[in-house]
Protein backbone atom coordinates (compact mmCIF):
# COMPACT_ATOMS: atom_id res chain seq x y z
CA MET A 1 -31.70 4.85 -8.85
CA ASN A 2 -30.08 2.91 -11.71
CA ASP A 3 -29.21 -0.80 -11.94
CA TRP A 4 -25.58 -0.14 -11.01
CA GLN A 5 -26.58 1.65 -7.80
CA ARG A 6 -28.92 -1.21 -6.84
CA LYS A 7 -26.08 -3.74 -6.78
CA SER A 8 -24.68 -4.89 -3.46
CA PRO A 9 -21.10 -4.33 -2.32
CA LEU A 10 -20.50 -8.04 -2.89
CA ASP A 11 -21.62 -7.63 -6.52
CA TRP A 12 -19.29 -4.64 -6.97
CA GLN A 13 -16.40 -6.59 -5.44
CA GLY A 14 -16.69 -8.92 -8.42
CA TYR A 15 -15.60 -6.09 -10.70
CA VAL A 16 -12.36 -5.31 -8.82
CA ASP A 17 -9.18 -6.18 -10.78
CA LYS A 18 -11.10 -6.47 -14.04
CA GLN A 19 -10.76 -4.35 -17.15
CA VAL A 20 -14.12 -2.77 -17.89
CA LYS A 21 -15.89 -0.42 -20.24
CA VAL A 22 -18.31 1.93 -18.47
CA ALA A 23 -21.15 3.58 -20.34
CA ALA A 24 -22.23 6.70 -18.48
CA ALA A 25 -24.75 9.50 -18.91
CA GLU A 26 -24.50 11.85 -21.89
CA ASN A 27 -22.83 9.16 -24.04
CA HIS A 28 -19.59 9.21 -22.08
CA GLU A 29 -17.51 6.03 -22.11
CA TYR A 30 -14.65 5.12 -19.80
CA GLU A 31 -12.31 2.19 -19.96
CA GLY A 32 -9.86 0.93 -17.36
CA TRP A 33 -9.08 -1.47 -14.55
CA VAL A 34 -11.43 -1.35 -11.55
CA LEU A 35 -9.50 -0.45 -8.39
CA THR A 36 -12.54 -0.14 -6.15
CA VAL A 37 -16.21 0.78 -5.99
CA ASP A 38 -17.46 3.07 -3.23
CA PRO A 39 -20.22 1.18 -1.41
CA VAL A 40 -22.08 4.37 -0.45
CA SER A 41 -22.10 6.37 -3.68
CA ALA A 42 -21.52 3.47 -6.14
CA ASN A 43 -18.72 5.55 -7.70
CA ILE A 44 -16.26 3.40 -9.61
CA VAL A 45 -12.50 4.11 -9.55
CA LEU A 46 -10.67 3.11 -12.73
CA ALA A 47 -6.96 2.96 -13.50
CA SER A 48 -5.53 2.98 -16.99
CA PHE A 49 -1.96 3.09 -18.21
CA SER A 50 -0.72 5.46 -20.91
CA GLU A 51 2.06 4.62 -23.37
CA ASN A 52 4.76 6.04 -21.10
CA GLU A 53 3.50 3.89 -18.18
CA LYS A 54 1.88 6.85 -16.40
CA VAL A 55 -1.17 5.85 -14.39
CA VAL A 56 -4.41 7.69 -15.13
CA ILE A 57 -7.08 7.48 -12.43
CA SER A 58 -10.73 8.14 -13.33
CA VAL A 59 -13.72 8.25 -11.02
CA VAL A 60 -17.13 7.69 -12.59
CA SER A 61 -20.09 8.82 -10.49
CA GLY A 62 -22.39 5.96 -9.55
CA HIS A 63 -25.54 7.88 -10.47
CA ALA A 64 -24.25 8.43 -14.02
CA ILE A 65 -23.32 4.78 -14.71
CA GLN A 66 -25.65 3.11 -17.17
CA GLU A 67 -23.75 -0.09 -17.94
CA VAL A 68 -20.49 -1.78 -16.93
CA GLN A 69 -19.09 -4.38 -19.29
CA ILE A 70 -16.22 -6.65 -18.20
CA LEU A 71 -13.57 -6.86 -20.92
CA LYS A 72 -10.79 -8.85 -19.28
CA GLU A 73 -9.68 -10.49 -16.04
CA ALA A 74 -6.39 -9.33 -14.52
CA ASP A 75 -3.53 -11.80 -14.47
CA GLU A 76 -1.24 -11.97 -11.42
CA GLU A 77 1.19 -9.42 -12.88
CA MET A 78 -1.62 -6.90 -13.47
CA LYS A 79 -3.06 -7.50 -9.99
CA GLN A 80 0.36 -6.69 -8.50
CA ARG A 81 0.65 -3.59 -10.68
CA LEU A 82 -2.80 -2.39 -9.60
CA SER A 83 -2.11 -3.04 -5.91
CA ARG A 84 1.04 -0.89 -6.09
CA ILE A 85 -0.71 2.19 -7.53
CA PHE A 86 -1.48 3.75 -4.15
CA ALA A 87 1.40 2.13 -2.25
CA PRO A 88 4.05 4.56 -1.03
CA GLU A 89 7.07 4.75 -3.31
CA GLU A 90 9.45 3.46 -0.65
CA SER A 91 7.28 0.52 0.32
CA LYS A 92 8.59 -2.59 -1.27
CA ALA A 93 8.20 -6.20 -0.41
CA TYR A 94 11.09 -7.78 1.43
CA SER A 95 11.73 -11.47 1.60
CA SER A 96 12.00 -13.00 5.07
CA GLU A 97 15.77 -13.35 4.50
CA GLU A 98 16.09 -9.65 3.62
CA LEU A 99 14.06 -8.65 6.69
CA GLU A 100 16.22 -10.83 8.93
CA LYS A 101 19.36 -9.29 7.42
CA ARG A 102 18.00 -5.74 7.91
CA LYS A 103 17.01 -6.52 11.51
CA SER A 104 20.33 -8.10 12.50
CA SER A 105 22.32 -5.37 10.75
CA LEU A 106 20.39 -2.60 12.53
CA LYS A 107 20.58 -4.43 15.86
CA THR A 108 24.35 -4.89 15.51
CA TRP A 109 24.78 -1.22 14.61
CA LEU A 110 22.66 -0.05 17.58
CA GLU A 111 24.62 -2.30 19.96
CA ALA A 112 27.94 -1.06 18.52
CA ASN A 113 26.75 2.45 19.36
CA HIS A 114 25.96 1.42 22.97
CA ILE A 115 22.19 1.57 22.50
CA PRO A 116 20.47 -1.25 24.42
CA VAL A 117 18.28 -3.32 22.09
CA THR A 118 16.33 -6.56 22.48
CA GLU A 119 14.08 -8.64 20.26
CA GLN A 120 10.36 -8.96 21.04
CA GLY A 121 7.33 -10.69 19.59
CA ALA A 122 6.52 -14.31 18.95
CA SER A 123 9.33 -14.74 16.44
CA GLY A 124 11.50 -11.83 17.61
CA GLU A 125 10.57 -9.66 14.64
CA THR A 126 10.25 -6.44 16.68
CA LEU A 127 13.30 -4.63 18.03
CA CYS A 128 12.89 -2.88 21.39
CA VAL A 129 15.27 0.00 22.10
CA ALA A 130 15.99 0.87 25.75
CA GLY A 131 12.63 -0.61 26.75
CA SER A 132 10.79 2.46 25.49
CA LEU A 133 10.74 2.29 21.69
CA THR A 134 9.87 -0.45 19.20
CA ILE A 135 10.97 -0.90 15.60
CA ASP A 136 8.88 -3.18 13.38
CA PRO A 137 9.81 -4.63 9.97
CA PRO A 138 11.20 -3.39 7.58
CA TYR A 139 13.15 -1.52 10.28
CA GLY A 140 13.12 2.04 8.99
CA PRO A 141 12.46 5.33 10.82
CA GLU A 142 8.75 5.15 9.89
CA GLU A 143 8.36 1.84 11.73
CA CYS A 144 9.53 3.28 15.06
CA SER A 145 6.94 3.86 17.77
CA SER A 146 7.22 5.26 21.28
CA SER A 147 5.14 7.32 23.66
CA ASN A 148 8.25 9.40 24.38
CA GLU A 149 8.52 11.86 21.50
CA ILE A 150 12.10 12.90 22.33
CA ILE A 151 13.38 9.32 22.21
CA LEU A 152 11.29 8.63 19.11
CA SER A 153 12.72 11.63 17.26
CA ARG A 154 16.33 10.87 18.23
CA VAL A 155 16.19 7.18 17.34
CA GLN A 156 14.43 7.94 14.03
CA SER A 157 17.24 10.40 13.20
CA LEU A 158 19.88 7.82 14.10
CA ILE A 159 18.24 5.14 11.94
CA GLN A 160 17.83 7.58 9.05
CA GLY A 161 21.55 8.41 9.21
CA TYR A 162 22.43 4.73 9.45
CA LEU A 163 20.28 3.85 6.40
CA GLU A 164 21.76 6.72 4.36
CA LYS A 165 25.28 5.40 5.06
CA GLN A 166 24.17 1.91 3.96
CA SER A 167 23.06 3.03 0.49
């Protein structure tokens, strides 16, 4: 077991969001931003960016790591960039004003189409359709949930059509 593998998960956490140079077995070197370290295998996941902004992901096996040298701390912009690497393409942050606008617009549209809808939750952030389906922020088809699959499918289709007409 090497020094890297002997570190604790708390030690490895200190490398996340830092640019590092990893010296590995057989004189291999890797450079990139640490996304995570697997606490079981000690594998390190690195992200680097090519000239055309493509993301390159590398995984270095924990047993092969000989030394990890921190080159640079991530600034806020880089931390945001790294956190978006594995985020779904359509997921974007909405301000509270945008979420309120999306909610009220969808609620108005549902009511105009004679679909009963109420607001639930501590601050009314969840829409409840016909007492059997909920829609959470940001109020898209993916945020619908219901134990009734027929209602779920139909309301998701309606919302998808509504959103397509909006754009």
